[in-house]
């Protein structure tokens, strides 16, 4: 008799929903941070990066939910890592043409973003690796 409270498919389904939700929260945080969905941050390349991230997050969520998990989890890793790196660079050295956030490590929305992206990274990396192992067998 198994002592697990959820079968493997149920656990996988829960992880997929959690991953999709985390991706959507990353997108929502960045929409709020840029001032709305139709707003583009300055400098322009940062604003474009926000839009690319938001689209990638939604696409990752959809891929994970419809069962294209290998590609979905890989994209989710990027959705987590990209803004984490952007946060560190923008606060440490600044970015070309963008130095407003240097030293601003405790911005509340930034901290929420770090928590969500960290959770997404911790979830998506092992599930992406597991999807690769399943293909090898």
Protein backbone atom coordinates (compact mmCIF):
# COMPACT_ATOMS: atom_id res chain seq x y z
CA UNK A 1 0.00 0.00 0.00
CA UNK A 2 1.35 3.39 -0.95
CA UNK A 3 1.72 6.13 1.64
CA UNK A 4 1.69 8.91 -0.93
CA UNK A 5 -1.26 11.27 -0.75
CA UNK A 6 -1.29 11.93 -4.49
CA UNK A 7 -0.59 9.67 -7.42
CA UNK A 8 2.17 10.59 -9.83
CA UNK A 9 -0.22 12.03 -12.47
CA UNK A 10 -2.00 14.17 -9.84
CA UNK A 11 1.32 15.43 -8.48
CA UNK A 12 2.47 16.23 -12.01
CA UNK A 13 -0.79 18.02 -12.73
CA UNK A 14 -0.41 20.08 -9.53
CA UNK A 15 3.18 20.97 -10.47
CA UNK A 16 2.06 21.99 -13.96
CA UNK A 17 -0.66 24.26 -12.56
CA UNK A 18 1.79 25.74 -10.03
CA UNK A 19 4.36 26.38 -12.75
CA UNK A 20 1.80 27.98 -15.05
CA UNK A 21 0.54 30.19 -12.24
CA UNK A 22 4.07 31.28 -11.31
CA UNK A 23 4.77 32.14 -14.97
CA UNK A 24 1.62 34.27 -15.10
CA UNK A 25 2.54 36.02 -11.85
CA UNK A 26 5.98 36.88 -13.28
CA UNK A 27 4.22 38.41 -16.29
CA UNK A 28 1.76 40.34 -14.10
CA UNK A 29 4.52 41.73 -11.89
CA UNK A 30 6.36 43.07 -14.93
CA UNK A 31 3.20 44.57 -16.43
CA UNK A 32 2.62 46.41 -13.13
CA UNK A 33 6.27 47.49 -12.94
CA UNK A 34 6.23 48.95 -16.44
CA UNK A 35 3.03 50.87 -15.79
CA UNK A 36 0.58 48.83 -17.86
CA UNK A 37 0.43 46.44 -20.76
CA UNK A 38 0.64 49.13 -23.43
CA UNK A 39 3.46 51.07 -21.76
CA UNK A 40 7.10 50.52 -22.68
CA UNK A 41 9.75 51.32 -20.09
CA UNK A 42 12.76 53.48 -20.82
CA UNK A 43 15.31 52.83 -22.09
CA UNK A 44 13.50 51.26 -25.00
CA UNK A 45 15.47 47.97 -24.94
CA UNK A 46 14.46 47.42 -21.29
CA UNK A 47 10.82 48.02 -22.22
CA UNK A 48 11.07 45.58 -25.11
CA UNK A 49 12.69 43.02 -22.81
CA UNK A 50 9.73 43.40 -20.42
CA UNK A 51 7.28 42.74 -23.26
CA UNK A 52 9.27 39.72 -24.47
CA UNK A 53 9.36 38.35 -20.92
CA UNK A 54 5.62 38.84 -20.46
CA UNK A 55 4.83 37.06 -23.74
CA UNK A 56 7.29 34.26 -22.98
CA UNK A 57 5.73 33.78 -19.53
CA UNK A 58 2.24 33.42 -20.98
CA UNK A 59 3.47 31.05 -23.71
CA UNK A 60 5.33 28.94 -21.11
CA UNK A 61 2.19 28.71 -18.97
CA UNK A 62 0.12 27.57 -21.95
CA UNK A 63 2.72 25.02 -23.09
CA UNK A 64 2.94 23.54 -19.60
CA UNK A 65 -0.82 23.27 -19.27
CA UNK A 66 -1.47 21.75 -22.69
CA UNK A 67 1.14 19.07 -22.10
CA UNK A 68 4.14 20.33 -24.07
CA UNK A 69 6.02 20.19 -20.81
CA UNK A 70 9.60 19.83 -22.05
CA UNK A 71 9.43 23.05 -24.04
CA UNK A 72 7.20 24.70 -21.43
CA UNK A 73 9.57 23.95 -18.53
CA UNK A 74 12.57 25.08 -20.58
CA UNK A 75 10.86 28.38 -21.35
CA UNK A 76 9.82 28.68 -17.69
CA UNK A 77 13.49 28.39 -16.69
CA UNK A 78 14.21 31.35 -18.97
CA UNK A 79 11.24 33.27 -17.56
CA UNK A 80 12.74 32.80 -14.09
CA UNK A 81 16.43 33.35 -14.89
CA UNK A 82 16.06 36.37 -17.19
CA UNK A 83 14.50 38.76 -14.69
CA UNK A 84 16.68 37.44 -11.85
CA UNK A 85 19.76 38.40 -13.84
CA UNK A 86 18.17 41.71 -14.85
CA UNK A 87 17.43 42.51 -11.21
CA UNK A 88 21.01 41.80 -10.14
CA UNK A 89 22.60 43.72 -13.01
CA UNK A 90 20.27 46.71 -12.76
CA UNK A 91 20.93 47.07 -9.03
CA UNK A 92 24.64 46.28 -8.99
CA UNK A 93 26.22 47.93 -12.03
CA UNK A 94 23.22 49.36 -13.81
CA UNK A 95 22.40 48.72 -17.44
CA UNK A 96 23.40 50.86 -20.44
CA UNK A 97 21.29 54.00 -20.25
CA UNK A 98 19.57 52.78 -17.09
CA UNK A 99 21.07 53.47 -13.70
CA UNK A 100 17.94 54.42 -11.72
CA UNK A 101 17.87 51.17 -9.71
CA UNK A 102 21.54 50.93 -8.72
CA UNK A 103 21.59 50.03 -5.03
CA UNK A 104 17.78 49.72 -4.81
CA UNK A 105 17.86 46.13 -3.48
CA UNK A 106 14.78 46.39 -1.25
CA UNK A 107 12.12 47.69 -3.65
CA UNK A 108 8.95 45.79 -2.54
CA UNK A 109 7.78 44.78 -6.03
CA UNK A 110 11.33 43.70 -6.86
CA UNK A 111 11.47 41.49 -3.78
CA UNK A 112 8.12 39.91 -4.65
CA UNK A 113 9.42 39.34 -8.15
CA UNK A 114 12.57 37.66 -6.82
CA UNK A 115 10.50 35.34 -4.62
CA UNK A 116 8.20 34.32 -7.48
CA UNK A 117 11.06 33.87 -9.96
CA UNK A 118 13.05 31.88 -7.38
CA UNK A 119 10.09 29.58 -6.77
CA UNK A 120 9.59 29.16 -10.52
CA UNK A 121 13.26 28.33 -10.97
CA UNK A 122 13.20 25.76 -8.14
CA UNK A 123 10.14 24.12 -9.69
CA UNK A 124 11.01 24.30 -13.38
CA UNK A 125 14.64 23.12 -13.42
CA UNK A 126 14.03 19.67 -11.90
CA UNK A 127 10.87 19.16 -13.95
CA UNK A 128 12.68 20.10 -17.15
CA UNK A 129 15.50 17.70 -16.27
CA UNK A 130 12.95 14.98 -15.50
CA UNK A 131 11.29 15.57 -18.89
CA UNK A 132 14.68 15.03 -20.56
CA UNK A 133 15.24 11.78 -18.63
CA UNK A 134 11.83 10.43 -19.65
CA UNK A 135 12.73 10.91 -23.28
CA UNK A 136 16.02 9.05 -22.81
CA UNK A 137 14.24 5.96 -21.45
